[in-house]
Amino acid sequence: MDRKKKLYNDILNALTLIEEFTITVNLFEEYISDSKTKSAVERQLSIVGEALTQLRKLDAEELAHTKQIIGLRNMIVHAYDTIDDSIIWSIVKRHIAPLKQEVVEKLMND
C-alpha cells in the first residue's frame, strides 16, 4: 500500500473510532463527564491531525479544514491544558461525518 493510501486509511480508521466512541453519547454534559471517551476522542483527533500533516508533505491537495485540524492536533498534543471541550464536542457532532465522507471519496478516487 502506498504511503498516501495508508495515511487516508489511518484517518478513516480514527474517524470511525470517534463515531464508535460517541455513538451513545448524545449530550455535551455526558461527553464532559466521561473522561475515557474524552481521552479516546482526543487521541483519535490527534492521529487525524498527524496523518494530515504527513499528507501535506506528500500532496499539495488538501482535505477541507486541514489547517484547522492540524492546529487542533497541535493544541491537543502541546497545549492539552487549554483544550475547550465544547470545541471538541462541536467537531464530533458537526465535522466528523463530512470529513469521513471526504476521505472515503479520496480513497475511492486514488
C-alpha atoms as a PDB file:
ATOM      1  CA  MET A   1       0.000   0.000   0.000  1.00  0.00           C
ATOM      2  CA  ASP A   2       1.392   3.373  -0.896  1.00  0.00           C
ATOM      3  CA  ARG A   3       2.020   5.967   1.807  1.00  0.00           C
ATOM      4  CA  LYS A   4      -0.842   8.296   0.825  1.00  0.00           C
ATOM      5  CA  LYS A   5      -3.376   5.496   0.878  1.00  0.00           C
ATOM      6  CA  LYS A   6      -2.112   4.308   4.259  1.00  0.00           C
ATOM      7  CA  LEU A   7      -2.483   7.805   5.703  1.00  0.00           C
ATOM      8  CA  TYR A   8      -6.014   8.150   4.343  1.00  0.00           C
ATOM      9  CA  ASN A   9      -6.834   4.748   5.845  1.00  0.00           C
ATOM     10  CA  ASP A  10      -5.391   5.875   9.186  1.00  0.00           C
ATOM     11  CA  ILE A  11      -7.634   8.952   9.075  1.00  0.00           C
ATOM     12  CA  LEU A  12     -10.671   6.875   8.142  1.00  0.00           C
ATOM     13  CA  ASN A  13      -9.978   4.432  10.970  1.00  0.00           C
ATOM     14  CA  ALA A  14      -9.577   7.247  13.513  1.00  0.00           C
ATOM     15  CA  LEU A  15     -12.795   8.942  12.381  1.00  0.00           C
ATOM     16  CA  THR A  16     -14.664   5.640  12.558  1.00  0.00           C
ATOM     17  CA  LEU A  17     -13.389   5.076  16.084  1.00  0.00           C
ATOM     18  CA  ILE A  18     -14.545   8.557  17.119  1.00  0.00           C
ATOM     19  CA  GLU A  19     -18.010   7.730  15.806  1.00  0.00           C
ATOM     20  CA  GLU A  20     -17.992   4.432  17.704  1.00  0.00           C
ATOM     21  CA  PHE A  21     -16.788   6.060  20.929  1.00  0.00           C
ATOM     22  CA  THR A  22     -19.522   8.692  20.822  1.00  0.00           C
ATOM     23  CA  ILE A  23     -22.448   6.755  19.341  1.00  0.00           C
ATOM     24  CA  THR A  24     -24.263   6.567  22.686  1.00  0.00           C
ATOM     25  CA  VAL A  25     -23.161   9.997  23.900  1.00  0.00           C
ATOM     26  CA  ASN A  26     -25.925  12.401  22.939  1.00  0.00           C
ATOM     27  CA  LEU A  27     -25.398  15.364  25.227  1.00  0.00           C
ATOM     28  CA  PHE A  28     -22.409  17.591  25.855  1.00  0.00           C
ATOM     29  CA  GLU A  29     -22.827  17.011  29.596  1.00  0.00           C
ATOM     30  CA  GLU A  30     -22.465  13.255  29.031  1.00  0.00           C
ATOM     31  CA  TYR A  31     -19.322  13.835  27.000  1.00  0.00           C
ATOM     32  CA  ILE A  32     -17.582  16.064  29.543  1.00  0.00           C
ATOM     33  CA  SER A  33     -18.388  13.705  32.397  1.00  0.00           C
ATOM     34  CA  ASP A  34     -16.857  10.689  30.590  1.00  0.00           C
ATOM     35  CA  SER A  35     -13.082  11.058  30.830  1.00  0.00           C
ATOM     36  CA  LYS A  36     -12.428   7.812  28.927  1.00  0.00           C
ATOM     37  CA  THR A  37     -14.447   8.943  25.945  1.00  0.00           C
ATOM     38  CA  LYS A  38     -12.905  12.418  26.003  1.00  0.00           C
ATOM     39  CA  SER A  39      -9.422  10.935  26.121  1.00  0.00           C
ATOM     40  CA  ALA A  40     -10.162   8.456  23.338  1.00  0.00           C
ATOM     41  CA  VAL A  41     -11.683  11.111  21.077  1.00  0.00           C
ATOM     42  CA  GLU A  42      -8.775  13.490  21.637  1.00  0.00           C
ATOM     43  CA  ARG A  43      -6.289  10.709  20.854  1.00  0.00           C
ATOM     44  CA  GLN A  44      -8.016   9.886  17.581  1.00  0.00           C
ATOM     45  CA  LEU A  45      -8.239  13.561  16.627  1.00  0.00           C
ATOM     46  CA  SER A  46      -4.501  13.851  17.198  1.00  0.00           C
ATOM     47  CA  ILE A  47      -3.969  10.871  14.871  1.00  0.00           C
ATOM     48  CA  VAL A  48      -6.102  12.564  12.208  1.00  0.00           C
ATOM     49  CA  GLY A  49      -4.075  15.757  12.592  1.00  0.00           C
ATOM     50  CA  GLU A  50      -0.752  13.966  12.386  1.00  0.00           C
ATOM     51  CA  ALA A  51      -1.821  11.956   9.337  1.00  0.00           C
ATOM     52  CA  LEU A  52      -2.918  15.195   7.652  1.00  0.00           C
ATOM     53  CA  THR A  53       0.455  16.728   8.477  1.00  0.00           C
ATOM     54  CA  GLN A  54       2.171  13.808   6.769  1.00  0.00           C
ATOM     55  CA  LEU A  55      -0.215  14.003   3.784  1.00  0.00           C
ATOM     56  CA  ARG A  56       0.619  17.695   3.294  1.00  0.00           C
ATOM     57  CA  LYS A  57       4.232  16.685   2.800  1.00  0.00           C
ATOM     58  CA  LEU A  58       3.246  14.207   0.078  1.00  0.00           C
ATOM     59  CA  ASP A  59       0.461  16.036  -1.709  1.00  0.00           C
ATOM     60  CA  ALA A  60      -0.411  19.702  -2.105  1.00  0.00           C
ATOM     61  CA  GLU A  61      -4.119  18.829  -2.443  1.00  0.00           C
ATOM     62  CA  GLU A  62      -5.706  19.033   0.982  1.00  0.00           C
ATOM     63  CA  LEU A  63      -8.886  17.902   2.627  1.00  0.00           C
ATOM     64  CA  ALA A  64     -11.309  20.510   3.873  1.00  0.00           C
ATOM     65  CA  HIS A  65     -10.198  22.203   7.087  1.00  0.00           C
ATOM     66  CA  THR A  66      -6.734  20.596   7.023  1.00  0.00           C
ATOM     67  CA  LYS A  67      -5.064  23.605   8.656  1.00  0.00           C
ATOM     68  CA  GLN A  68      -7.639  23.768  11.444  1.00  0.00           C
ATOM     69  CA  ILE A  69      -7.380  20.038  12.150  1.00  0.00           C
ATOM     70  CA  ILE A  70      -3.590  20.209  12.272  1.00  0.00           C
ATOM     71  CA  GLY A  71      -3.889  23.204  14.619  1.00  0.00           C
ATOM     72  CA  LEU A  72      -6.259  21.228  16.819  1.00  0.00           C
ATOM     73  CA  ARG A  73      -3.804  18.328  16.867  1.00  0.00           C
ATOM     74  CA  ASN A  74      -1.052  20.673  17.961  1.00  0.00           C
ATOM     75  CA  MET A  75      -3.250  22.019  20.744  1.00  0.00           C
ATOM     76  CA  ILE A  76      -4.142  18.516  21.943  1.00  0.00           C
ATOM     77  CA  VAL A  77      -0.504  17.458  21.972  1.00  0.00           C
ATOM     78  CA  HIS A  78       1.248  20.626  23.105  1.00  0.00           C
ATOM     79  CA  ALA A  79      -1.373  22.663  24.960  1.00  0.00           C
ATOM     80  CA  TYR A  80      -3.516  19.905  26.421  1.00  0.00           C
ATOM     81  CA  ASP A  81      -4.425  22.039  29.418  1.00  0.00           C
ATOM     82  CA  THR A  82      -6.169  24.618  27.224  1.00  0.00           C
ATOM     83  CA  ILE A  83      -8.463  22.242  25.331  1.00  0.00           C
ATOM     84  CA  ASP A  84     -12.015  23.524  25.184  1.00  0.00           C
ATOM     85  CA  ASP A  85     -14.340  20.528  25.488  1.00  0.00           C
ATOM     86  CA  SER A  86     -17.131  22.411  23.725  1.00  0.00           C
ATOM     87  CA  ILE A  87     -14.935  22.810  20.623  1.00  0.00           C
ATOM     88  CA  ILE A  88     -14.103  19.102  20.584  1.00  0.00           C
ATOM     89  CA  TRP A  89     -17.790  18.264  21.037  1.00  0.00           C
ATOM     90  CA  SER A  90     -18.735  20.582  18.175  1.00  0.00           C
ATOM     91  CA  ILE A  91     -16.169  18.918  15.927  1.00  0.00           C
ATOM     92  CA  VAL A  92     -17.505  15.485  16.821  1.00  0.00           C
ATOM     93  CA  LYS A  93     -21.108  16.453  16.144  1.00  0.00           C
ATOM     94  CA  ARG A  94     -20.615  18.622  13.038  1.00  0.00           C
ATOM     95  CA  HIS A  95     -17.416  17.722  11.239  1.00  0.00           C
ATOM     96  CA  ILE A  96     -16.511  14.054  11.691  1.00  0.00           C
ATOM     97  CA  ALA A  97     -19.137  12.644   9.300  1.00  0.00           C
ATOM     98  CA  PRO A  98     -18.420  15.101   6.423  1.00  0.00           C
ATOM     99  CA  LEU A  99     -14.663  14.626   6.820  1.00  0.00           C
ATOM    100  CA  LYS A 100     -15.117  10.861   6.825  1.00  0.00           C
ATOM    101  CA  GLN A 101     -17.121  11.081   3.597  1.00  0.00           C
ATOM    102  CA  GLU A 102     -14.384  13.190   2.019  1.00  0.00           C
ATOM    103  CA  VAL A 103     -11.738  10.630   3.000  1.00  0.00           C
ATOM    104  CA  VAL A 104     -13.836   7.757   1.609  1.00  0.00           C
ATOM    105  CA  GLU A 105     -14.139   9.642  -1.696  1.00  0.00           C
ATOM    106  CA  LYS A 106     -10.372  10.227  -1.785  1.00  0.00           C
ATOM    107  CA  LEU A 107      -9.742   6.522  -1.220  1.00  0.00           C
ATOM    108  CA  MET A 108     -12.192   5.566  -3.956  1.00  0.00           C
ATOM    109  CA  ASN A 109     -10.678   8.007  -6.458  1.00  0.00           C
ATOM    110  CA  ASP A 110      -7.000   7.287  -5.805  1.00  0.00           C
END
